[in-house]
Amino acid sequence: MPRSLCLTRQCLGLITRIECEIRPLAGERGLWTLLCAAGMSAAQPSAIKAQGPFHGPQVAEAVLESIAQCLAVQGYAPCAEPPIWRLHLQAELRRLNGECSRRVDDCMFRPES
């Protein structure tokens, strides 16, 4: 499973896009996070979410694979275009790493549903 994914779906003439990346968290503790951005293609993302932390990249990859399968059932397909929201995901990773550095003993995120 790759550590990044870009999916699109066309519905009523509009193209929705989801980009996901698996990235290591700061601190060299072996923790990884899954970052996702979603919105209309050719626009700014309307939602950015993080899941994790996960102990190791393989756990995060398994979660990404599960998400990809669920989205495929909803009509999303892999997109050959390059990612366009990488900077947004990088900013979210910086925010998460900042939270972890403030509370080193308790680096747990609250995944949103």
C-alpha atoms as a PDB file:
ATOM      1  CA  MET A   1       0.000   0.000   0.000  1.00  0.00           C
ATOM      2  CA  PRO A   2       1.406   3.412  -0.886  1.00  0.00           C
ATOM      3  CA  ARG A   3       1.722   6.078   1.784  1.00  0.00           C
ATOM      4  CA  SER A   4      -0.305   8.590  -0.195  1.00  0.00           C
ATOM      5  CA  LEU A   5      -3.543   8.413  -2.108  1.00  0.00           C
ATOM      6  CA  CYS A   6      -5.605  10.704  -4.308  1.00  0.00           C
ATOM      7  CA  LEU A   7      -9.176   9.794  -5.219  1.00  0.00           C
ATOM      8  CA  THR A   8     -11.853  11.638  -7.168  1.00  0.00           C
ATOM      9  CA  ARG A   9     -15.551  11.151  -7.867  1.00  0.00           C
ATOM     10  CA  GLN A  10     -17.754  12.909 -10.384  1.00  0.00           C
ATOM     11  CA  CYS A  11     -21.353  13.579  -9.401  1.00  0.00           C
ATOM     12  CA  LEU A  12     -23.789  15.969 -11.078  1.00  0.00           C
ATOM     13  CA  GLY A  13     -20.968  17.569 -13.045  1.00  0.00           C
ATOM     14  CA  LEU A  14     -18.863  18.313  -9.952  1.00  0.00           C
ATOM     15  CA  ILE A  15     -15.626  16.553  -9.089  1.00  0.00           C
ATOM     16  CA  THR A  16     -14.917  15.858  -5.441  1.00  0.00           C
ATOM     17  CA  ARG A  17     -11.395  15.000  -4.388  1.00  0.00           C
ATOM     18  CA  ILE A  18      -9.813  13.280  -1.394  1.00  0.00           C
ATOM     19  CA  GLU A  19      -6.071  13.277  -0.749  1.00  0.00           C
ATOM     20  CA  CYS A  20      -4.525  11.215   2.041  1.00  0.00           C
ATOM     21  CA  GLU A  21      -0.955  10.898   3.312  1.00  0.00           C
ATOM     22  CA  ILE A  22       0.697   8.820   5.999  1.00  0.00           C
ATOM     23  CA  ARG A  23       3.413  10.797   7.785  1.00  0.00           C
ATOM     24  CA  PRO A  24       5.648  10.203  10.819  1.00  0.00           C
ATOM     25  CA  LEU A  25       5.084  12.398  13.839  1.00  0.00           C
ATOM     26  CA  ALA A  26       7.943  14.360  15.389  1.00  0.00           C
ATOM     27  CA  GLY A  27       9.772  12.977  18.380  1.00  0.00           C
ATOM     28  CA  GLU A  28      11.191   9.761  16.909  1.00  0.00           C
ATOM     29  CA  ARG A  29       8.869   7.589  19.002  1.00  0.00           C
ATOM     30  CA  GLY A  30       7.648   5.538  16.048  1.00  0.00           C
ATOM     31  CA  LEU A  31       4.260   7.252  15.896  1.00  0.00           C
ATOM     32  CA  TRP A  32       2.568   7.940  12.564  1.00  0.00           C
ATOM     33  CA  THR A  33      -0.559   9.788  11.521  1.00  0.00           C
ATOM     34  CA  LEU A  34      -2.956   9.623   8.594  1.00  0.00           C
ATOM     35  CA  LEU A  35      -3.821  13.046   7.148  1.00  0.00           C
ATOM     36  CA  CYS A  36      -6.756  13.558   4.777  1.00  0.00           C
ATOM     37  CA  ALA A  37      -7.990  16.593   2.857  1.00  0.00           C
ATOM     38  CA  ALA A  38     -11.311  16.650   1.012  1.00  0.00           C
ATOM     39  CA  GLY A  39     -13.218  19.100  -1.123  1.00  0.00           C
ATOM     40  CA  MET A  40     -14.052  20.145  -4.637  1.00  0.00           C
ATOM     41  CA  SER A  41     -11.331  19.591  -7.199  1.00  0.00           C
ATOM     42  CA  ALA A  42      -9.531  22.789  -8.312  1.00  0.00           C
ATOM     43  CA  ALA A  43     -10.484  24.548  -5.057  1.00  0.00           C
ATOM     44  CA  GLN A  44      -9.208  24.754  -1.491  1.00  0.00           C
ATOM     45  CA  PRO A  45     -10.013  21.728   0.673  1.00  0.00           C
ATOM     46  CA  SER A  46     -13.208  22.074   2.684  1.00  0.00           C
ATOM     47  CA  ALA A  47     -12.103  19.585   5.348  1.00  0.00           C
ATOM     48  CA  ILE A  48      -8.770  18.410   6.746  1.00  0.00           C
ATOM     49  CA  LYS A  49      -8.739  15.533   9.231  1.00  0.00           C
ATOM     50  CA  ALA A  50      -6.093  13.507  11.041  1.00  0.00           C
ATOM     51  CA  GLN A  51      -6.344   9.974  12.392  1.00  0.00           C
ATOM     52  CA  GLY A  52      -3.911   8.464  14.850  1.00  0.00           C
ATOM     53  CA  PRO A  53      -1.384   8.320  16.240  1.00  0.00           C
ATOM     54  CA  PHE A  54      -0.548   4.832  15.033  1.00  0.00           C
ATOM     55  CA  HIS A  55       2.350   2.712  16.252  1.00  0.00           C
ATOM     56  CA  GLY A  56       4.277   2.227  13.010  1.00  0.00           C
ATOM     57  CA  PRO A  57       3.572   2.924   9.364  1.00  0.00           C
ATOM     58  CA  GLN A  58       2.055  -0.508   8.712  1.00  0.00           C
ATOM     59  CA  VAL A  59      -0.858   0.194  11.046  1.00  0.00           C
ATOM     60  CA  ALA A  60      -1.520   3.547   9.352  1.00  0.00           C
ATOM     61  CA  GLU A  61      -1.264   1.885   5.922  1.00  0.00           C
ATOM     62  CA  ALA A  62      -3.889  -0.681   6.940  1.00  0.00           C
ATOM     63  CA  VAL A  63      -6.255   2.120   7.985  1.00  0.00           C
ATOM     64  CA  LEU A  64      -5.602   3.949   4.698  1.00  0.00           C
ATOM     65  CA  GLU A  65      -6.329   0.764   2.754  1.00  0.00           C
ATOM     66  CA  SER A  66      -9.620   0.329   4.605  1.00  0.00           C
ATOM     67  CA  ILE A  67     -10.611   3.940   3.891  1.00  0.00           C
ATOM     68  CA  ALA A  68      -9.720   3.515   0.213  1.00  0.00           C
ATOM     69  CA  GLN A  69     -11.909   0.419  -0.037  1.00  0.00           C
ATOM     70  CA  CYS A  70     -14.876   2.207   1.567  1.00  0.00           C
ATOM     71  CA  LEU A  71     -14.466   5.184  -0.768  1.00  0.00           C
ATOM     72  CA  ALA A  72     -14.239   2.905  -3.816  1.00  0.00           C
ATOM     73  CA  VAL A  73     -17.663   1.493  -2.900  1.00  0.00           C
ATOM     74  CA  GLN A  74     -18.957   5.095  -2.880  1.00  0.00           C
ATOM     75  CA  GLY A  75     -17.679   5.657  -6.428  1.00  0.00           C
ATOM     76  CA  TYR A  76     -14.261   7.206  -5.800  1.00  0.00           C
ATOM     77  CA  ALA A  77     -11.489   6.166  -8.177  1.00  0.00           C
ATOM     78  CA  PRO A  78      -7.719   6.705  -8.148  1.00  0.00           C
ATOM     79  CA  CYS A  79      -6.660  10.019  -9.678  1.00  0.00           C
ATOM     80  CA  ALA A  80      -3.588  10.233 -11.905  1.00  0.00           C
ATOM     81  CA  GLU A  81      -3.179  13.978 -11.301  1.00  0.00           C
ATOM     82  CA  PRO A  82      -0.501  15.143  -8.880  1.00  0.00           C
ATOM     83  CA  PRO A  83      -1.617  16.058  -5.355  1.00  0.00           C
ATOM     84  CA  ILE A  84      -2.729  19.668  -4.997  1.00  0.00           C
ATOM     85  CA  TRP A  85      -3.279  19.919  -1.223  1.00  0.00           C
ATOM     86  CA  ARG A  86       0.105  18.744   0.027  1.00  0.00           C
ATOM     87  CA  LEU A  87       0.824  22.123   1.679  1.00  0.00           C
ATOM     88  CA  HIS A  88      -2.489  21.950   3.564  1.00  0.00           C
ATOM     89  CA  LEU A  89      -1.608  18.485   4.852  1.00  0.00           C
ATOM     90  CA  GLN A  90       1.889  19.675   5.808  1.00  0.00           C
ATOM     91  CA  ALA A  91       0.361  22.537   7.822  1.00  0.00           C
ATOM     92  CA  GLU A  92      -1.895  20.075   9.666  1.00  0.00           C
ATOM     93  CA  LEU A  93       1.114  17.876  10.424  1.00  0.00           C
ATOM     94  CA  ARG A  94       2.947  20.905  11.856  1.00  0.00           C
ATOM     95  CA  ARG A  95      -0.074  21.693  14.008  1.00  0.00           C
ATOM     96  CA  LEU A  96      -0.222  18.111  15.303  1.00  0.00           C
ATOM     97  CA  ASN A  97       3.509  18.055  16.014  1.00  0.00           C
ATOM     98  CA  GLY A  98       3.117  21.312  17.934  1.00  0.00           C
ATOM     99  CA  GLU A  99       0.415  19.729  20.089  1.00  0.00           C
ATOM    100  CA  CYS A 100       2.662  16.751  20.772  1.00  0.00           C
ATOM    101  CA  SER A 101       5.627  18.906  21.756  1.00  0.00           C
ATOM    102  CA  ARG A 102       3.463  20.757  24.309  1.00  0.00           C
ATOM    103  CA  ARG A 103       2.324  17.523  25.935  1.00  0.00           C
ATOM    104  CA  VAL A 104       5.090  15.008  25.370  1.00  0.00           C
ATOM    105  CA  ASP A 105       3.700  12.435  27.812  1.00  0.00           C
ATOM    106  CA  ASP A 106       0.227  12.338  26.271  1.00  0.00           C
ATOM    107  CA  CYS A 107       0.334  12.603  22.492  1.00  0.00           C
ATOM    108  CA  MET A 108      -3.098  11.304  21.593  1.00  0.00           C
ATOM    109  CA  PHE A 109      -5.371  12.855  19.008  1.00  0.00           C
ATOM    110  CA  ARG A 110      -9.118  12.711  19.064  1.00  0.00           C
ATOM    111  CA  PRO A 111     -10.218  11.284  15.716  1.00  0.00           C
ATOM    112  CA  GLU A 112     -13.354  13.006  14.561  1.00  0.00           C
ATOM    113  CA  SER A 113     -16.160  11.035  13.019  1.00  0.00           C
END
